[in-house]
C-alpha atoms as a PDB file:
ATOM      1  CA  MET A   1      -1.997 -21.377  -3.009  1.00  0.00           C
ATOM      2  CA  GLY A   2       0.118 -23.786  -0.947  1.00  0.00           C
ATOM      3  CA  LEU A   3      -1.226 -25.946   1.862  1.00  0.00           C
ATOM      4  CA  LYS A   4       0.545 -23.851   4.507  1.00  0.00           C
ATOM      5  CA  ARG A   5      -1.208 -20.708   3.261  1.00  0.00           C
ATOM      6  CA  VAL A   6      -4.584 -22.455   3.094  1.00  0.00           C
ATOM      7  CA  VAL A   7      -4.240 -23.568   6.726  1.00  0.00           C
ATOM      8  CA  ARG A   8      -3.119 -20.088   7.793  1.00  0.00           C
ATOM      9  CA  ASN A   9      -6.098 -18.453   6.072  1.00  0.00           C
ATOM     10  CA  GLY A  10      -8.485 -20.981   7.585  1.00  0.00           C
ATOM     11  CA  ILE A  11      -7.236 -20.153  11.071  1.00  0.00           C
ATOM     12  CA  GLY A  12      -7.433 -16.467  10.173  1.00  0.00           C
ATOM     13  CA  THR A  13     -11.078 -16.818   9.201  1.00  0.00           C
ATOM     14  CA  ILE A  14     -11.960 -18.481  12.508  1.00  0.00           C
ATOM     15  CA  LEU A  15     -10.152 -15.773  14.494  1.00  0.00           C
ATOM     16  CA  ALA A  16     -11.893 -13.058  12.447  1.00  0.00           C
ATOM     17  CA  TRP A  17     -15.316 -14.561  13.192  1.00  0.00           C
ATOM     18  CA  MET A  18     -14.439 -14.581  16.893  1.00  0.00           C
ATOM     19  CA  LEU A  19     -13.377 -10.915  16.774  1.00  0.00           C
ATOM     20  CA  ILE A  20     -16.550  -9.932  14.945  1.00  0.00           C
ATOM     21  CA  SER A  21     -18.697 -11.931  17.395  1.00  0.00           C
ATOM     22  CA  LEU A  22     -16.981 -10.161  20.301  1.00  0.00           C
ATOM     23  CA  GLY A  23     -17.985  -6.812  18.830  1.00  0.00           C
ATOM     24  CA  ARG A  24     -14.464  -5.694  17.858  1.00  0.00           C
ATOM     25  CA  LEU A  25     -15.462  -4.797  14.292  1.00  0.00           C
ATOM     26  CA  LYS A  26     -18.526  -2.917  15.545  1.00  0.00           C
ATOM     27  CA  ASN A  27     -16.359  -0.941  17.964  1.00  0.00           C
ATOM     28  CA  ALA A  28     -13.873  -0.097  15.213  1.00  0.00           C
ATOM     29  CA  LYS A  29     -16.688   1.087  12.957  1.00  0.00           C
ATOM     30  CA  HIS A  30     -17.967   3.288  15.790  1.00  0.00           C
ATOM     31  CA  MET A  31     -14.454   4.747  16.112  1.00  0.00           C
ATOM     32  CA  ALA A  32     -14.351   5.398  12.356  1.00  0.00           C
ATOM     33  CA  PHE A  33     -17.480   7.550  12.671  1.00  0.00           C
ATOM     34  CA  SER A  34     -16.046   9.711  15.453  1.00  0.00           C
ATOM     35  CA  GLN A  35     -15.597  13.412  14.755  1.00  0.00           C
ATOM     36  CA  ASN A  36     -12.642  14.266  12.465  1.00  0.00           C
ATOM     37  CA  VAL A  37     -11.595  10.595  12.127  1.00  0.00           C
ATOM     38  CA  ILE A  38     -10.484   9.208   8.749  1.00  0.00           C
ATOM     39  CA  LEU A  39     -10.332   5.496   7.948  1.00  0.00           C
ATOM     40  CA  PRO A  40      -7.311   4.922   5.661  1.00  0.00           C
ATOM     41  CA  ILE A  41      -7.276   1.582   3.796  1.00  0.00           C
ATOM     42  CA  ALA A  42      -4.480   0.265   1.583  1.00  0.00           C
ATOM     43  CA  PHE A  43      -4.586  -2.591  -0.927  1.00  0.00           C
ATOM     44  CA  HIS A  44      -1.852  -4.038  -3.125  1.00  0.00           C
ATOM     45  CA  ASN A  45      -3.052  -6.634  -5.613  1.00  0.00           C
ATOM     46  CA  PRO A  46      -6.578  -7.655  -4.523  1.00  0.00           C
ATOM     47  CA  ASP A  47      -8.792  -9.888  -6.618  1.00  0.00           C
ATOM     48  CA  LYS A  48     -11.978  -8.472  -8.090  1.00  0.00           C
ATOM     49  CA  LYS A  49     -14.276 -10.056  -5.512  1.00  0.00           C
ATOM     50  CA  LEU A  50     -12.335  -8.813  -2.478  1.00  0.00           C
ATOM     51  CA  PHE A  51     -12.055  -5.235  -3.707  1.00  0.00           C
ATOM     52  CA  SER A  52     -15.688  -4.946  -4.798  1.00  0.00           C
ATOM     53  CA  ARG A  53     -17.065  -6.563  -1.614  1.00  0.00           C
ATOM     54  CA  THR A  54     -14.978  -4.244   0.581  1.00  0.00           C
ATOM     55  CA  ILE A  55     -16.107  -1.127  -1.296  1.00  0.00           C
ATOM     56  CA  LEU A  56     -19.760  -2.221  -1.239  1.00  0.00           C
ATOM     57  CA  TRP A  57     -19.573  -2.988   2.501  1.00  0.00           C
ATOM     58  CA  LEU A  58     -18.124   0.459   3.190  1.00  0.00           C
ATOM     59  CA  ARG A  59     -20.799   2.118   1.066  1.00  0.00           C
ATOM     60  CA  LYS A  60     -23.607   0.093   2.690  1.00  0.00           C
ATOM     61  CA  ASN A  61     -22.337   1.123   6.121  1.00  0.00           C
ATOM     62  CA  GLY A  62     -22.442   4.816   5.296  1.00  0.00           C
ATOM     63  CA  PHE A  63     -18.790   5.667   4.727  1.00  0.00           C
ATOM     64  CA  VAL A  64     -17.892   8.756   2.684  1.00  0.00           C
ATOM     65  CA  PHE A  65     -15.101   8.159   0.143  1.00  0.00           C
ATOM     66  CA  LEU A  66     -12.408  10.824  -0.171  1.00  0.00           C
ATOM     67  CA  SER A  67     -10.168  11.628  -3.107  1.00  0.00           C
ATOM     68  CA  LEU A  68      -6.542  12.502  -2.357  1.00  0.00           C
ATOM     69  CA  ASN A  69      -7.182  16.200  -2.927  1.00  0.00           C
ATOM     70  CA  GLN A  70     -10.160  16.127  -0.565  1.00  0.00           C
ATOM     71  CA  LEU A  71      -8.029  14.345   2.030  1.00  0.00           C
ATOM     72  CA  ILE A  72      -5.259  16.928   1.776  1.00  0.00           C
ATOM     73  CA  ASP A  73      -7.780  19.774   2.070  1.00  0.00           C
ATOM     74  CA  ILE A  74      -9.009  18.218   5.330  1.00  0.00           C
ATOM     75  CA  ILE A  75      -5.464  17.816   6.700  1.00  0.00           C
ATOM     76  CA  ILE A  76      -4.574  21.445   5.977  1.00  0.00           C
ATOM     77  CA  HIS A  77      -7.905  22.467   7.534  1.00  0.00           C
ATOM     78  CA  LYS A  78      -9.220  23.951   4.322  1.00  0.00           C
ATOM     79  CA  THR A  79     -12.415  21.876   4.555  1.00  0.00           C
ATOM     80  CA  ALA A  80     -14.207  19.992   7.323  1.00  0.00           C
ATOM     81  CA  CYS A  81     -13.894  16.229   7.693  1.00  0.00           C
ATOM     82  CA  PRO A  82     -17.161  14.398   6.943  1.00  0.00           C
ATOM     83  CA  GLN A  83     -18.372  11.780   9.382  1.00  0.00           C
ATOM     84  CA  GLY A  84     -17.336   8.289   8.301  1.00  0.00           C
ATOM     85  CA  ALA A  85     -14.558   9.496   5.984  1.00  0.00           C
ATOM     86  CA  VAL A  86     -12.563   6.739   4.231  1.00  0.00           C
ATOM     87  CA  TRP A  87      -9.586   7.019   1.892  1.00  0.00           C
ATOM     88  CA  ILE A  88      -8.696   4.105  -0.406  1.00  0.00           C
ATOM     89  CA  SER A  89      -5.222   3.575  -1.860  1.00  0.00           C
ATOM     90  CA  LEU A  90      -3.309   0.853  -3.696  1.00  0.00           C
ATOM     91  CA  ASP A  91       0.464   0.336  -3.739  1.00  0.00           C
ATOM     92  CA  ASP A  92       2.948  -0.784  -6.415  1.00  0.00           C
ATOM     93  CA  GLY A  93       1.020  -0.562  -9.690  1.00  0.00           C
ATOM     94  CA  TRP A  94       0.077  -4.190 -10.293  1.00  0.00           C
ATOM     95  CA  LYS A  95      -1.163  -4.983 -13.793  1.00  0.00           C
ATOM     96  CA  ASP A  96      -4.108  -6.927 -12.373  1.00  0.00           C
ATOM     97  CA  ASN A  97      -5.429  -3.689 -10.828  1.00  0.00           C
ATOM     98  CA  ILE A  98      -6.552  -2.790 -14.355  1.00  0.00           C
ATOM     99  CA  GLU A  99      -9.002  -5.692 -14.429  1.00  0.00           C
ATOM    100  CA  HIS A 100      -9.741  -6.242 -10.752  1.00  0.00           C
ATOM    101  CA  VAL A 101      -9.969  -2.694  -9.392  1.00  0.00           C
ATOM    102  CA  ILE A 102     -10.534  -0.071 -12.078  1.00  0.00           C
ATOM    103  CA  PRO A 103     -13.939  -1.366 -13.334  1.00  0.00           C
ATOM    104  CA  ALA A 104     -15.422  -1.181  -9.804  1.00  0.00           C
ATOM    105  CA  VAL A 105     -13.826   2.239  -9.238  1.00  0.00           C
ATOM    106  CA  VAL A 106     -15.494   3.607 -12.366  1.00  0.00           C
ATOM    107  CA  LYS A 107     -18.834   1.805 -11.977  1.00  0.00           C
ATOM    108  CA  LEU A 108     -19.264   2.719  -8.301  1.00  0.00           C
ATOM    109  CA  ASP A 109     -17.644   6.158  -8.731  1.00  0.00           C
ATOM    110  CA  ILE A 110     -15.121   5.583  -5.939  1.00  0.00           C
ATOM    111  CA  PRO A 111     -12.010   7.816  -5.728  1.00  0.00           C
ATOM    112  CA  VAL A 112      -8.743   5.911  -5.259  1.00  0.00           C
ATOM    113  CA  THR A 113      -5.064   6.796  -5.110  1.00  0.00           C
ATOM    114  CA  ILE A 114      -2.625   4.409  -6.816  1.00  0.00           C
ATOM    115  CA  PHE A 115       1.054   4.634  -5.863  1.00  0.00           C
ATOM    116  CA  ILE A 116       3.246   3.520  -8.772  1.00  0.00           C
ATOM    117  CA  CYS A 117       6.729   1.978  -8.671  1.00  0.00           C
ATOM    118  CA  THR A 118       8.213   3.348 -11.922  1.00  0.00           C
ATOM    119  CA  GLY A 119      11.104   0.906 -12.254  1.00  0.00           C
ATOM    120  CA  ALA A 120       8.741  -2.072 -12.198  1.00  0.00           C
ATOM    121  CA  VAL A 121       6.564  -0.368 -14.829  1.00  0.00           C
ATOM    122  CA  GLU A 122       9.574  -0.054 -17.117  1.00  0.00           C
ATOM    123  CA  GLU A 123      10.970  -3.533 -16.385  1.00  0.00           C
ATOM    124  CA  GLY A 124       7.662  -5.363 -15.994  1.00  0.00           C
ATOM    125  CA  THR A 125       8.409  -7.093 -12.689  1.00  0.00           C
ATOM    126  CA  PHE A 126       8.884  -6.149  -9.026  1.00  0.00           C
ATOM    127  CA  TRP A 127      12.215  -7.087  -7.417  1.00  0.00           C
ATOM    128  CA  TRP A 128      10.713  -9.359  -4.756  1.00  0.00           C
ATOM    129  CA  ARG A 129       8.874 -11.305  -7.445  1.00  0.00           C
ATOM    130  CA  LYS A 130      12.212 -11.871  -9.206  1.00  0.00           C
ATOM    131  CA  VAL A 131      13.504 -13.413  -5.979  1.00  0.00           C
ATOM    132  CA  GLN A 132      10.403 -15.620  -5.675  1.00  0.00           C
ATOM    133  CA  ILE A 133      10.484 -16.670  -9.342  1.00  0.00           C
ATOM    134  CA  CYS A 134      14.224 -17.339  -9.596  1.00  0.00           C
ATOM    135  CA  PRO A 135      15.568 -18.116  -6.082  1.00  0.00           C
ATOM    136  CA  LYS A 136      18.234 -20.547  -7.291  1.00  0.00           C
ATOM    137  CA  ALA A 137      20.122 -17.751  -9.031  1.00  0.00           C
ATOM    138  CA  ILE A 138      21.437 -16.503  -5.676  1.00  0.00           C
ATOM    139  CA  LEU A 139      22.811 -17.952  -2.452  1.00  0.00           C
ATOM    140  CA  LYS A 140      20.215 -19.681  -0.301  1.00  0.00           C
ATOM    141  CA  GLU A 141      20.704 -17.256   2.601  1.00  0.00           C
ATOM    142  CA  SER A 142      19.844 -14.374   0.253  1.00  0.00           C
ATOM    143  CA  SER A 143      16.807 -15.985  -1.332  1.00  0.00           C
ATOM    144  CA  LYS A 144      14.281 -14.804   1.240  1.00  0.00           C
ATOM    145  CA  VAL A 145      12.578 -11.495   0.523  1.00  0.00           C
ATOM    146  CA  GLU A 146      12.456 -10.540   4.207  1.00  0.00           C
ATOM    147  CA  THR A 147      16.218 -11.054   4.460  1.00  0.00           C
ATOM    148  CA  LEU A 148      16.826  -8.717   1.529  1.00  0.00           C
ATOM    149  CA  LYS A 149      14.737  -6.034   3.224  1.00  0.00           C
ATOM    150  CA  GLN A 150      17.252  -5.930   6.096  1.00  0.00           C
ATOM    151  CA  ILE A 151      20.506  -5.331   4.186  1.00  0.00           C
ATOM    152  CA  PRO A 152      22.089  -2.147   2.748  1.00  0.00           C
ATOM    153  CA  GLU A 153      20.530  -1.015  -0.522  1.00  0.00           C
ATOM    154  CA  SER A 154      23.772  -1.461  -2.490  1.00  0.00           C
ATOM    155  CA  GLU A 155      23.904  -5.139  -1.477  1.00  0.00           C
ATOM    156  CA  ARG A 156      20.257  -5.691  -2.398  1.00  0.00           C
ATOM    157  CA  GLN A 157      20.814  -4.163  -5.832  1.00  0.00           C
ATOM    158  CA  GLU A 158      23.824  -6.411  -6.407  1.00  0.00           C
ATOM    159  CA  ILE A 159      21.797  -9.523  -5.552  1.00  0.00           C
ATOM    160  CA  ILE A 160      18.892  -8.498  -7.805  1.00  0.00           C
ATOM    161  CA  GLY A 161      21.460  -7.870 -10.546  1.00  0.00           C
ATOM    162  CA  GLN A 162      22.637 -11.478 -10.184  1.00  0.00           C
ATOM    163  CA  ILE A 163      19.060 -12.659 -10.670  1.00  0.00           C
ATOM    164  CA  ASP A 164      18.610 -10.436 -13.737  1.00  0.00           C
ATOM    165  CA  ARG A 165      21.762 -11.850 -15.346  1.00  0.00           C
ATOM    166  CA  ALA A 166      20.788 -15.448 -14.568  1.00  0.00           C
ATOM    167  CA  CYS A 167      17.095 -15.404 -15.425  1.00  0.00           C
ATOM    168  CA  ASN A 168      16.878 -12.841 -18.231  1.00  0.00           C
ATOM    169  CA  THR A 169      13.104 -12.617 -18.700  1.00  0.00           C
ATOM    170  CA  PHE A 170      10.202 -12.400 -16.263  1.00  0.00           C
ATOM    171  CA  PRO A 171       6.431 -12.231 -16.757  1.00  0.00           C
ATOM    172  CA  ARG A 172       4.945  -8.729 -16.795  1.00  0.00           C
ATOM    173  CA  GLU A 173       3.160  -8.245 -13.482  1.00  0.00           C
ATOM    174  CA  ALA A 174       3.347  -4.445 -13.271  1.00  0.00           C
ATOM    175  CA  MET A 175       1.332  -2.016 -15.370  1.00  0.00           C
ATOM    176  CA  SER A 176       2.913  -0.798 -18.594  1.00  0.00           C
ATOM    177  CA  ILE A 177       3.645   2.881 -19.238  1.00  0.00           C
ATOM    178  CA  GLU A 178       0.615   3.038 -21.531  1.00  0.00           C
ATOM    179  CA  GLU A 179      -1.618   1.527 -18.849  1.00  0.00           C
ATOM    180  CA  VAL A 180      -0.389   4.075 -16.300  1.00  0.00           C
ATOM    181  CA  LYS A 181      -1.228   6.839 -18.779  1.00  0.00           C
ATOM    182  CA  ASN A 182      -4.695   5.371 -19.310  1.00  0.00           C
ATOM    183  CA  ILE A 183      -5.653   5.037 -15.637  1.00  0.00           C
ATOM    184  CA  ALA A 184      -4.284   8.514 -14.896  1.00  0.00           C
ATOM    185  CA  SER A 185      -6.927   9.898 -17.267  1.00  0.00           C
ATOM    186  CA  ILE A 186      -9.768   8.310 -15.256  1.00  0.00           C
ATOM    187  CA  PRO A 187     -11.485  10.974 -13.084  1.00  0.00           C
ATOM    188  CA  GLN A 188     -11.716   8.697 -10.035  1.00  0.00           C
ATOM    189  CA  VAL A 189      -7.980   7.843 -10.065  1.00  0.00           C
ATOM    190  CA  THR A 190      -5.131   9.895  -8.579  1.00  0.00           C
ATOM    191  CA  ILE A 191      -1.559   8.760  -9.200  1.00  0.00           C
ATOM    192  CA  GLY A 192       1.222   8.940  -6.614  1.00  0.00           C
ATOM    193  CA  THR A 193       4.809   7.697  -6.528  1.00  0.00           C
ATOM    194  CA  HIS A 194       6.196   4.624  -4.802  1.00  0.00           C
ATOM    195  CA  THR A 195       9.882   5.208  -5.702  1.00  0.00           C
ATOM    196  CA  VAL A 196      11.736   3.841  -8.723  1.00  0.00           C
ATOM    197  CA  SER A 197      13.040   0.503  -7.450  1.00  0.00           C
ATOM    198  CA  HIS A 198      10.966  -0.050  -4.278  1.00  0.00           C
ATOM    199  CA  PRO A 199      13.967   0.013  -1.891  1.00  0.00           C
ATOM    200  CA  ILE A 200      13.702   0.025   1.879  1.00  0.00           C
ATOM    201  CA  LEU A 201      14.519   3.707   2.403  1.00  0.00           C
ATOM    202  CA  PRO A 202      16.193   3.393   5.845  1.00  0.00           C
ATOM    203  CA  ASN A 203      18.742   1.102   4.119  1.00  0.00           C
ATOM    204  CA  CYS A 204      19.579   3.811   1.568  1.00  0.00           C
ATOM    205  CA  PRO A 205      22.101   6.678   1.700  1.00  0.00           C
ATOM    206  CA  ASP A 206      20.678  10.198   1.355  1.00  0.00           C
ATOM    207  CA  ASP A 207      21.557  10.528  -2.326  1.00  0.00           C
ATOM    208  CA  GLN A 208      19.715   7.287  -3.130  1.00  0.00           C
ATOM    209  CA  ILE A 209      16.586   8.472  -1.310  1.00  0.00           C
ATOM    210  CA  GLU A 210      16.735  11.739  -3.231  1.00  0.00           C
ATOM    211  CA  TYR A 211      17.094   9.885  -6.532  1.00  0.00           C
ATOM    212  CA  GLU A 212      14.193   7.525  -5.773  1.00  0.00           C
ATOM    213  CA  LEU A 213      11.840  10.390  -4.878  1.00  0.00           C
ATOM    214  CA  LYS A 214      12.870  12.790  -7.642  1.00  0.00           C
ATOM    215  CA  GLU A 215      13.146  10.308 -10.499  1.00  0.00           C
ATOM    216  CA  SER A 216       9.884   8.487  -9.853  1.00  0.00           C
ATOM    217  CA  LYS A 217       8.083  11.836  -9.684  1.00  0.00           C
ATOM    218  CA  ARG A 218       9.753  13.021 -12.889  1.00  0.00           C
ATOM    219  CA  LYS A 219       8.843   9.834 -14.750  1.00  0.00           C
ATOM    220  CA  LEU A 220       5.207   9.816 -13.654  1.00  0.00           C
ATOM    221  CA  GLU A 221       4.716  13.485 -14.451  1.00  0.00           C
ATOM    222  CA  GLY A 222       6.218  12.869 -17.880  1.00  0.00           C
ATOM    223  CA  TRP A 223       4.018   9.849 -18.543  1.00  0.00           C
ATOM    224  CA  THR A 224       0.753  11.285 -17.245  1.00  0.00           C
ATOM    225  CA  GLY A 225       1.135  15.018 -17.852  1.00  0.00           C
ATOM    226  CA  LYS A 226      -0.131  15.595 -14.308  1.00  0.00           C
ATOM    227  CA  LYS A 227       1.452  17.086 -11.203  1.00  0.00           C
ATOM    228  CA  ILE A 228       2.422  14.361  -8.735  1.00  0.00           C
ATOM    229  CA  ILE A 229       2.183  15.427  -5.083  1.00  0.00           C
ATOM    230  CA  ALA A 230       1.769  12.167  -3.134  1.00  0.00           C
ATOM    231  CA  PHE A 231       4.148   9.385  -2.127  1.00  0.00           C
ATOM    232  CA  ALA A 232       3.893   6.034  -0.317  1.00  0.00           C
ATOM    233  CA  TYR A 233       6.866   4.620   1.613  1.00  0.00           C
ATOM    234  CA  PRO A 234       7.905   1.193   0.237  1.00  0.00           C
ATOM    235  CA  ASN A 235       7.251  -1.468   2.868  1.00  0.00           C
ATOM    236  CA  GLY A 236       5.952   1.396   5.014  1.00  0.00           C
ATOM    237  CA  SER A 237       9.553   1.954   6.149  1.00  0.00           C
ATOM    238  CA  PHE A 238      11.047   5.364   6.950  1.00  0.00           C
ATOM    239  CA  ASP A 239      13.560   6.903   9.355  1.00  0.00           C
ATOM    240  CA  GLY A 240      12.810  10.636   9.205  1.00  0.00           C
ATOM    241  CA  ARG A 241      15.345  11.687   6.556  1.00  0.00           C
ATOM    242  CA  GLU A 242      12.674  11.554   3.862  1.00  0.00           C
ATOM    243  CA  LYS A 243      10.581  14.543   4.951  1.00  0.00           C
ATOM    244  CA  ARG A 244      13.100  17.197   3.918  1.00  0.00           C
ATOM    245  CA  ILE A 245      13.548  15.582   0.511  1.00  0.00           C
ATOM    246  CA  LEU A 246       9.803  15.149   0.047  1.00  0.00           C
ATOM    247  CA  GLU A 247       9.226  18.828   0.745  1.00  0.00           C
ATOM    248  CA  THR A 248      12.099  19.885  -1.538  1.00  0.00           C
ATOM    249  CA  CYS A 249      10.710  17.743  -4.364  1.00  0.00           C
ATOM    250  CA  GLY A 250       7.251  19.291  -4.066  1.00  0.00           C
ATOM    251  CA  TYR A 251       5.389  16.434  -2.399  1.00  0.00           C
ATOM    252  CA  LYS A 252       2.520  17.484  -0.142  1.00  0.00           C
ATOM    253  CA  PHE A 253       1.644  14.048   1.259  1.00  0.00           C
ATOM    254  CA  ALA A 254       3.268  10.722   2.160  1.00  0.00           C
ATOM    255  CA  ALA A 255       1.600   7.508   3.333  1.00  0.00           C
ATOM    256  CA  THR A 256       2.986   4.896   5.714  1.00  0.00           C
ATOM    257  CA  THR A 257       1.599   1.470   6.629  1.00  0.00           C
ATOM    258  CA  GLU A 258       1.267   2.256  10.319  1.00  0.00           C
ATOM    259  CA  SER A 259      -2.034   0.686  11.276  1.00  0.00           C
ATOM    260  CA  LYS A 260      -4.160   3.303  12.998  1.00  0.00           C
ATOM    261  CA  PHE A 261      -6.973   5.724  12.307  1.00  0.00           C
ATOM    262  CA  ALA A 262      -6.040   9.159  11.007  1.00  0.00           C
ATOM    263  CA  THR A 263      -7.563  12.489  11.974  1.00  0.00           C
ATOM    264  CA  ALA A 264      -7.772  15.962  10.491  1.00  0.00           C
ATOM    265  CA  ASP A 265      -4.636  16.780  12.524  1.00  0.00           C
ATOM    266  CA  THR A 266      -2.496  13.868  11.280  1.00  0.00           C
ATOM    267  CA  ASN A 267       0.961  14.707   9.897  1.00  0.00           C
ATOM    268  CA  ALA A 268       0.595  14.850   6.097  1.00  0.00           C
ATOM    269  CA  TYR A 269       4.026  13.200   5.635  1.00  0.00           C
ATOM    270  CA  LEU A 270       3.320  10.320   8.041  1.00  0.00           C
ATOM    271  CA  PHE A 271      -0.221   9.370   7.112  1.00  0.00           C
ATOM    272  CA  PRO A 272      -1.184   5.900   8.433  1.00  0.00           C
ATOM    273  CA  ARG A 273      -3.035   3.133   6.573  1.00  0.00           C
ATOM    274  CA  HIS A 274      -4.672  -0.179   7.505  1.00  0.00           C
ATOM    275  CA  VAL A 275      -3.288  -2.706   4.998  1.00  0.00           C
ATOM    276  CA  VAL A 276      -5.622  -5.363   3.560  1.00  0.00           C
ATOM    277  CA  MET A 277      -4.315  -8.784   2.503  1.00  0.00           C
ATOM    278  CA  ASP A 278      -4.339  -9.858  -1.140  1.00  0.00           C
ATOM    279  CA  ASP A 279      -5.883 -13.185  -0.143  1.00  0.00           C
ATOM    280  CA  GLY A 280      -7.673 -14.469   2.941  1.00  0.00           C
ATOM    281  CA  SER A 281     -11.359 -14.448   3.759  1.00  0.00           C
ATOM    282  CA  PHE A 282     -13.593 -11.404   3.504  1.00  0.00           C
ATOM    283  CA  SER A 283     -14.260 -11.491   7.248  1.00  0.00           C
ATOM    284  CA  GLU A 284     -10.535 -11.396   8.046  1.00  0.00           C
ATOM    285  CA  ASN A 285      -9.911  -8.618   5.553  1.00  0.00           C
ATOM    286  CA  LEU A 286     -12.698  -6.511   7.060  1.00  0.00           C
ATOM    287  CA  CYS A 287     -10.836  -6.841  10.353  1.00  0.00           C
ATOM    288  CA  HIS A 288      -7.658  -5.713   8.575  1.00  0.00           C
ATOM    289  CA  ALA A 289      -9.414  -2.800   6.842  1.00  0.00           C
ATOM    290  CA  LEU A 290     -10.706  -1.379  10.134  1.00  0.00           C
ATOM    291  CA  GLY A 291      -7.498  -2.037  12.073  1.00  0.00           C
ATOM    292  CA  VAL A 292      -9.002  -4.686  14.342  1.00  0.00           C
ATOM    293  CA  TRP A 293      -6.685  -7.478  13.242  1.00  0.00           C
ATOM    294  CA  GLN A 294      -3.478  -5.485  13.600  1.00  0.00           C
ATOM    295  CA  THR A 295      -4.398  -4.305  17.097  1.00  0.00           C
ATOM    296  CA  VAL A 296      -5.114  -7.841  18.314  1.00  0.00           C
ATOM    297  CA  VAL A 297      -1.970  -9.322  16.752  1.00  0.00           C
ATOM    298  CA  LYS A 298       0.158  -6.572  18.310  1.00  0.00           C
ATOM    299  CA  ARG A 299      -1.285  -7.341  21.762  1.00  0.00           C
ATOM    300  CA  LEU A 300      -0.732 -11.077  21.288  1.00  0.00           C
ATOM    301  CA  LYS A 301       2.916 -10.461  20.356  1.00  0.00           C
ATOM    302  CA  LEU A 302       3.389  -8.313  23.437  1.00  0.00           C
ATOM    303  CA  LEU A 303       1.887 -11.027  25.629  1.00  0.00           C
ATOM    304  CA  ALA A 304       4.061 -13.679  23.974  1.00  0.00           C
ATOM    305  CA  GLY A 305       7.131 -11.548  24.620  1.00  0.00           C
ATOM    306  CA  LYS A 306       6.298 -11.205  28.286  1.00  0.00           C
ATOM    307  CA  THR A 307       5.884 -14.959  28.727  1.00  0.00           C
ATOM    308  CA  VAL A 308       9.168 -15.901  27.048  1.00  0.00           C
END
């Protein structure tokens, strides 16, 4: 971890302690236990300590863990929502999830949903990691991941193609097909799709969105032998065109990264999630998991905008 990140995380820890001392976390927990409220938490590539500590904290504080099927039954009003409901998901399909997440899931009997990016599974590496590993293969103005998230999908694919031709091999950071098959057989794990190539869908034409949703579903169903009904928007980005395609493809659920609590009446195709960091202190990540951090940062940005 670089010095800049260490400093940032240190400041984050101090701010988290302040928020907890001010009762913000306590208030958020109280909100999570309101009638029909669901706490949705998303991870990506957490280390073993962070994931286990978060799960144990939630269990100690009386939360009730939901599987994806239980969550969907609540949304369609087939079953009642338990008090303190929490739904845990992970995005991308990182190989380290096998060691850092799955053992705790099995040992503690915690249901989780893992959204898999099928292209990375087949290639071994996620596109943004290729940019970070081999930035000199492309023009400097294109070597920032955030920049590539803002351009048309065809241009992004061309740039990633340049990296592939220049760098050839990359370390495997995504699960393999065999590993996806193995985790899909675990009772506590539900698999969902996260597209083929992890594009930013608003940057894609309709036919590309349709391909990403259909092909990733087809691949995962072929690998696992199970019906795939859930999807997570890459980068949490969407523009409304996806819903028709999701319904046509047989998806019953789609998750965003909008940071707010869900309820039994939340739109099944726009389900929010509080996203936890991969690093940072436990105190800060608790604030992320319960939406405290995101709310405060949003208010600070609004205040900063008004003073400029």
